[in-house]
Structures are given as structure tokens and as C-alpha cells.
Amino acid sequence: MKDTTLSTELNQLKTDMAARHKSKKPYALTDIAEMAMRLSLLTRMAQSMEQELNVHRLGEANMLARHGIDDAVNEALTSMAPDTSAKIVRPEFGRRS
């Protein structure tokens, strides 16, 4: 199975171009078109990775914000509640006889 990470693909393209330059062989139009296609695919791969990273970052930010809101709500509700430690509430269901 071929390793198709962005870094390995870019490295392979660089190696291919360096070998071509070292051989002093001129580029044909088909070679240039192939490199352009490879670069286009690598660009799409990079954009996909950037989008995935942004989704993860937004998810983490959302989770942190949610925890902050929960803490603030709990603190506000706790400060609003009266002290009920000394009171006993006995519910009455139905009628008294």
C-alpha cells in the first residue's frame, strides 16, 4: 500500500523535479501538465486537511464554551437559591382528614 500523505507526495514531487533538473532533460508539455495535475491534487488534499483541522478546532472551542456557560449558570442559580438547609418541606398529596 502506497503512503499518500501530503508530505510524502510533496517530497516525491520535489525528488522527481530535482532528478529531472539534474538530468538536464527539458520538460515536455505533457510533463508540465502532469506536474500541474499533481499539484492540483495536493492542493485539494491540503485544503481538505485544513478544513478538517478547523472543524476539530471549532468543536474544541464549542466544548470549552459549553463548559464555561454551564459553570456560569450553575453559579448564578446557586447564588439565587435561598438557604434551605434548616427547612423541611413536607408535601401534601390529597385532602386532609
N, C-alpha and C. Protein backbone atom coordinates (compact mmCIF):
# COMPACT_ATOMS: atom_id res chain seq x y z
N MET A 1 0.85 -1.18 0.00
CA MET A 1 0.00 0.00 0.00
C MET A 1 0.89 1.24 0.00
N LYS A 2 0.57 2.16 -0.87
CA LYS A 2 1.37 3.37 -1.04
C LYS A 2 0.99 4.40 0.03
N ASP A 3 2.02 5.03 0.61
CA ASP A 3 1.82 6.09 1.59
C ASP A 3 1.46 7.36 0.84
N THR A 4 0.25 7.86 1.05
CA THR A 4 -0.19 9.04 0.31
C THR A 4 -0.47 10.22 1.24
N THR A 5 0.46 10.50 2.11
CA THR A 5 0.32 11.70 2.92
C THR A 5 0.78 12.90 2.11
N LEU A 6 0.35 14.05 2.53
CA LEU A 6 0.71 15.27 1.81
C LEU A 6 2.21 15.46 1.78
N SER A 7 2.86 15.26 2.91
CA SER A 7 4.30 15.48 2.96
C SER A 7 5.06 14.50 2.06
N THR A 8 4.65 13.24 2.03
CA THR A 8 5.36 12.29 1.17
C THR A 8 5.12 12.58 -0.30
N GLU A 9 3.93 12.99 -0.64
CA GLU A 9 3.64 13.33 -2.04
C GLU A 9 4.42 14.56 -2.48
N LEU A 10 4.48 15.57 -1.63
CA LEU A 10 5.26 16.77 -1.96
C LEU A 10 6.75 16.43 -2.07
N ASN A 11 7.23 15.59 -1.17
CA ASN A 11 8.62 15.17 -1.22
C ASN A 11 8.92 14.40 -2.51
N GLN A 12 7.99 13.53 -2.92
CA GLN A 12 8.18 12.77 -4.15
C GLN A 12 8.20 13.70 -5.36
N LEU A 13 7.32 14.68 -5.38
CA LEU A 13 7.30 15.64 -6.48
C LEU A 13 8.62 16.42 -6.52
N LYS A 14 9.11 16.84 -5.36
CA LYS A 14 10.39 17.55 -5.29
C LYS A 14 11.52 16.67 -5.80
N THR A 15 11.53 15.40 -5.39
CA THR A 15 12.56 14.46 -5.84
C THR A 15 12.51 14.27 -7.35
N ASP A 16 11.31 14.12 -7.89
CA ASP A 16 11.15 13.96 -9.34
C ASP A 16 11.66 15.19 -10.09
N MET A 17 11.33 16.37 -9.58
CA MET A 17 11.76 17.60 -10.25
C MET A 17 13.29 17.76 -10.16
N ALA A 18 13.85 17.41 -8.99
CA ALA A 18 15.31 17.53 -8.83
C ALA A 18 16.03 16.57 -9.76
N ALA A 19 15.51 15.35 -9.91
CA ALA A 19 16.12 14.38 -10.81
C ALA A 19 16.04 14.86 -12.25
N ARG A 20 14.92 15.45 -12.60
CA ARG A 20 14.73 15.95 -13.97
C ARG A 20 15.71 17.10 -14.23
N HIS A 21 15.86 17.97 -13.24
CA HIS A 21 16.78 19.11 -13.39
C HIS A 21 18.23 18.62 -13.51
N LYS A 22 18.56 17.61 -12.72
CA LYS A 22 19.93 17.07 -12.74
C LYS A 22 20.25 16.42 -14.08
N SER A 23 19.24 15.81 -14.69
CA SER A 23 19.48 15.14 -15.98
C SER A 23 19.55 16.13 -17.15
N LYS A 24 19.21 17.38 -16.88
CA LYS A 24 19.22 18.45 -17.91
C LYS A 24 18.26 18.16 -19.07
N LYS A 25 17.33 17.25 -18.83
CA LYS A 25 16.34 16.92 -19.86
C LYS A 25 15.23 17.97 -19.80
N PRO A 26 14.88 18.57 -20.92
CA PRO A 26 13.84 19.60 -20.91
C PRO A 26 12.45 18.99 -20.63
N TYR A 27 11.60 19.81 -20.08
CA TYR A 27 10.24 19.37 -19.79
C TYR A 27 9.39 19.43 -21.05
N ALA A 28 8.66 18.36 -21.29
CA ALA A 28 7.67 18.35 -22.37
C ALA A 28 6.38 18.94 -21.82
N LEU A 29 5.49 19.34 -22.70
CA LEU A 29 4.21 19.89 -22.26
C LEU A 29 3.42 18.88 -21.43
N THR A 30 3.52 17.61 -21.79
CA THR A 30 2.80 16.59 -21.02
C THR A 30 3.38 16.46 -19.61
N ASP A 31 4.70 16.64 -19.48
CA ASP A 31 5.32 16.60 -18.15
C ASP A 31 4.82 17.75 -17.28
N ILE A 32 4.73 18.92 -17.88
CA ILE A 32 4.26 20.10 -17.15
C ILE A 32 2.79 19.92 -16.77
N ALA A 33 2.00 19.39 -17.69
CA ALA A 33 0.59 19.15 -17.40
C ALA A 33 0.43 18.13 -16.27
N GLU A 34 1.28 17.09 -16.25
CA GLU A 34 1.22 16.09 -15.19
C GLU A 34 1.59 16.70 -13.84
N MET A 35 2.64 17.55 -13.82
CA MET A 35 3.02 18.21 -12.57
C MET A 35 1.91 19.13 -12.08
N ALA A 36 1.28 19.84 -13.01
CA ALA A 36 0.19 20.74 -12.63
C ALA A 36 -0.97 19.95 -12.03
N MET A 37 -1.26 18.78 -12.60
CA MET A 37 -2.34 17.95 -12.08
C MET A 37 -1.98 17.42 -10.68
N ARG A 38 -0.73 17.00 -10.51
CA ARG A 38 -0.29 16.52 -9.20
C ARG A 38 -0.38 17.63 -8.16
N LEU A 39 0.07 18.83 -8.54
CA LEU A 39 -0.01 19.97 -7.62
C LEU A 39 -1.46 20.32 -7.29
N SER A 40 -2.34 20.21 -8.27
CA SER A 40 -3.75 20.47 -8.03
C SER A 40 -4.33 19.48 -7.03
N LEU A 41 -3.99 18.21 -7.19
CA LEU A 41 -4.47 17.19 -6.25
C LEU A 41 -3.89 17.40 -4.85
N LEU A 42 -2.63 17.79 -4.79
CA LEU A 42 -2.02 18.06 -3.50
C LEU A 42 -2.64 19.28 -2.83
N THR A 43 -3.01 20.27 -3.63
CA THR A 43 -3.69 21.44 -3.11
C THR A 43 -5.04 21.05 -2.51
N ARG A 44 -5.78 20.21 -3.21
CA ARG A 44 -7.08 19.74 -2.69
C ARG A 44 -6.89 18.95 -1.40
N MET A 45 -5.82 18.13 -1.34
CA MET A 45 -5.54 17.37 -0.13
C MET A 45 -5.25 18.32 1.03
N ALA A 46 -4.44 19.35 0.78
CA ALA A 46 -4.11 20.32 1.83
C ALA A 46 -5.36 21.07 2.29
N GLN A 47 -6.22 21.47 1.36
CA GLN A 47 -7.45 22.17 1.73
C GLN A 47 -8.35 21.28 2.56
N SER A 48 -8.43 20.02 2.22
CA SER A 48 -9.24 19.08 2.98
C SER A 48 -8.70 18.92 4.40
N MET A 49 -7.39 18.83 4.52
CA MET A 49 -6.78 18.70 5.85
C MET A 49 -7.00 19.97 6.67
N GLU A 50 -6.90 21.14 6.04
CA GLU A 50 -7.13 22.40 6.74
C GLU A 50 -8.57 22.49 7.23
N GLN A 51 -9.49 22.06 6.38
CA GLN A 51 -10.91 22.10 6.76
C GLN A 51 -11.17 21.15 7.93
N GLU A 52 -10.59 19.97 7.88
CA GLU A 52 -10.76 19.01 8.97
C GLU A 52 -10.19 19.57 10.28
N LEU A 53 -9.04 20.21 10.20
CA LEU A 53 -8.43 20.81 11.38
C LEU A 53 -9.32 21.92 11.94
N ASN A 54 -9.89 22.74 11.07
CA ASN A 54 -10.78 23.81 11.51
C ASN A 54 -12.01 23.25 12.21
N VAL A 55 -12.55 22.14 11.69
CA VAL A 55 -13.72 21.51 12.32
C VAL A 55 -13.36 21.05 13.72
N HIS A 56 -12.20 20.43 13.88
CA HIS A 56 -11.76 19.98 15.20
C HIS A 56 -11.56 21.16 16.15
N ARG A 57 -10.96 22.23 15.65
CA ARG A 57 -10.75 23.41 16.48
C ARG A 57 -12.07 24.03 16.93
N LEU A 58 -13.04 24.12 16.00
CA LEU A 58 -14.35 24.66 16.36
C LEU A 58 -15.05 23.78 17.38
N GLY A 59 -14.91 22.46 17.22
CA GLY A 59 -15.51 21.54 18.18
C GLY A 59 -14.93 21.70 19.57
N GLU A 60 -13.62 21.86 19.64
CA GLU A 60 -12.96 22.06 20.94
C GLU A 60 -13.38 23.40 21.55
N ALA A 61 -13.44 24.44 20.74
CA ALA A 61 -13.85 25.76 21.24
C ALA A 61 -15.30 25.70 21.73
N ASN A 62 -16.15 24.99 21.01
CA ASN A 62 -17.55 24.85 21.39
C ASN A 62 -17.66 24.12 22.72
N MET A 63 -16.86 23.07 22.90
CA MET A 63 -16.89 22.30 24.13
C MET A 63 -16.43 23.17 25.31
N LEU A 64 -15.36 23.95 25.12
CA LEU A 64 -14.88 24.83 26.18
C LEU A 64 -15.91 25.89 26.53
N ALA A 65 -16.55 26.46 25.51
CA ALA A 65 -17.58 27.47 25.74
C ALA A 65 -18.76 26.87 26.49
N ARG A 66 -19.14 25.66 26.14
CA ARG A 66 -20.27 24.99 26.79
C ARG A 66 -19.97 24.78 28.27
N HIS A 67 -18.74 24.35 28.60
CA HIS A 67 -18.37 24.15 29.99
C HIS A 67 -18.39 25.49 30.75
N GLY A 68 -17.91 26.54 30.11
CA GLY A 68 -17.93 27.86 30.74
C GLY A 68 -19.34 28.34 31.01
N ILE A 69 -20.23 28.13 30.06
CA ILE A 69 -21.63 28.53 30.23
C ILE A 69 -22.28 27.71 31.34
N ASP A 70 -22.03 26.41 31.36
CA ASP A 70 -22.59 25.55 32.42
C ASP A 70 -22.13 26.02 33.79
N ASP A 71 -20.85 26.34 33.92
CA ASP A 71 -20.32 26.81 35.20
C ASP A 71 -20.98 28.13 35.62
N ALA A 72 -21.13 29.04 34.66
CA ALA A 72 -21.74 30.34 34.97
C ALA A 72 -23.21 30.18 35.37
N VAL A 73 -23.93 29.32 34.69
CA VAL A 73 -25.35 29.09 35.01
C VAL A 73 -25.46 28.45 36.39
N ASN A 74 -24.65 27.45 36.66
CA ASN A 74 -24.69 26.81 37.98
C ASN A 74 -24.38 27.80 39.10
N GLU A 75 -23.38 28.65 38.88
CA GLU A 75 -23.03 29.65 39.88
C GLU A 75 -24.16 30.64 40.09
N ALA A 76 -24.78 31.09 39.01
CA ALA A 76 -25.88 32.05 39.11
C ALA A 76 -27.08 31.44 39.82
N LEU A 77 -27.42 30.21 39.49
CA LEU A 77 -28.57 29.57 40.12
C LEU A 77 -28.30 29.27 41.59
N THR A 78 -27.08 28.90 41.91
CA THR A 78 -26.73 28.62 43.30
C THR A 78 -26.82 29.88 44.14
N SER A 79 -26.36 31.00 43.58
CA SER A 79 -26.41 32.26 44.34
C SER A 79 -27.85 32.77 44.48
N MET A 80 -28.75 32.40 43.60
CA MET A 80 -30.14 32.85 43.66
C MET A 80 -30.98 31.99 44.60
N ALA A 81 -30.58 30.76 44.83
CA ALA A 81 -31.37 29.86 45.66
C ALA A 81 -31.25 30.26 47.12
N PRO A 82 -32.38 30.28 47.85
CA PRO A 82 -32.31 30.60 49.27
C PRO A 82 -31.68 29.44 50.04
N ASP A 83 -31.19 29.74 51.22
CA ASP A 83 -30.59 28.70 52.07
C ASP A 83 -31.72 27.83 52.61
N THR A 84 -31.76 26.61 52.22
CA THR A 84 -32.83 25.69 52.64
C THR A 84 -32.32 24.61 53.57
N SER A 85 -31.16 24.81 54.15
CA SER A 85 -30.59 23.76 54.99
C SER A 85 -31.38 23.53 56.27
N ALA A 86 -32.11 24.53 56.77
CA ALA A 86 -32.84 24.38 58.02
C ALA A 86 -34.32 24.09 57.81
N LYS A 87 -34.77 24.07 56.60
CA LYS A 87 -36.20 23.87 56.33
C LYS A 87 -36.47 22.44 55.90
N ILE A 88 -37.61 21.95 56.36
CA ILE A 88 -38.07 20.63 55.92
C ILE A 88 -39.39 20.85 55.21
N VAL A 89 -39.47 20.42 54.01
CA VAL A 89 -40.68 20.58 53.22
C VAL A 89 -41.40 19.24 53.20
N ARG A 90 -42.65 19.26 53.67
CA ARG A 90 -43.44 18.04 53.67
C ARG A 90 -44.57 18.23 52.65
N PRO A 91 -44.52 17.49 51.56
CA PRO A 91 -45.58 17.64 50.55
C PRO A 91 -46.90 17.06 51.05
N GLU A 92 -47.97 17.69 50.63
CA GLU A 92 -49.30 17.17 50.96
C GLU A 92 -49.95 16.72 49.67
N PHE A 93 -50.25 15.46 49.61
CA PHE A 93 -50.93 14.90 48.45
C PHE A 93 -52.36 14.55 48.88
N GLY A 94 -53.30 15.06 48.19
CA GLY A 94 -54.71 14.75 48.53
C GLY A 94 -55.25 15.66 49.62
N ARG A 95 -56.38 15.26 50.21
CA ARG A 95 -57.03 16.08 51.22
C ARG A 95 -56.61 15.67 52.62
N ARG A 96 -56.75 16.63 53.52
CA ARG A 96 -56.53 16.34 54.93
C ARG A 96 -57.80 15.79 55.53
N SER A 97 -57.65 14.86 56.41
CA SER A 97 -58.85 14.30 57.07
C SER A 97 -59.05 14.89 58.43
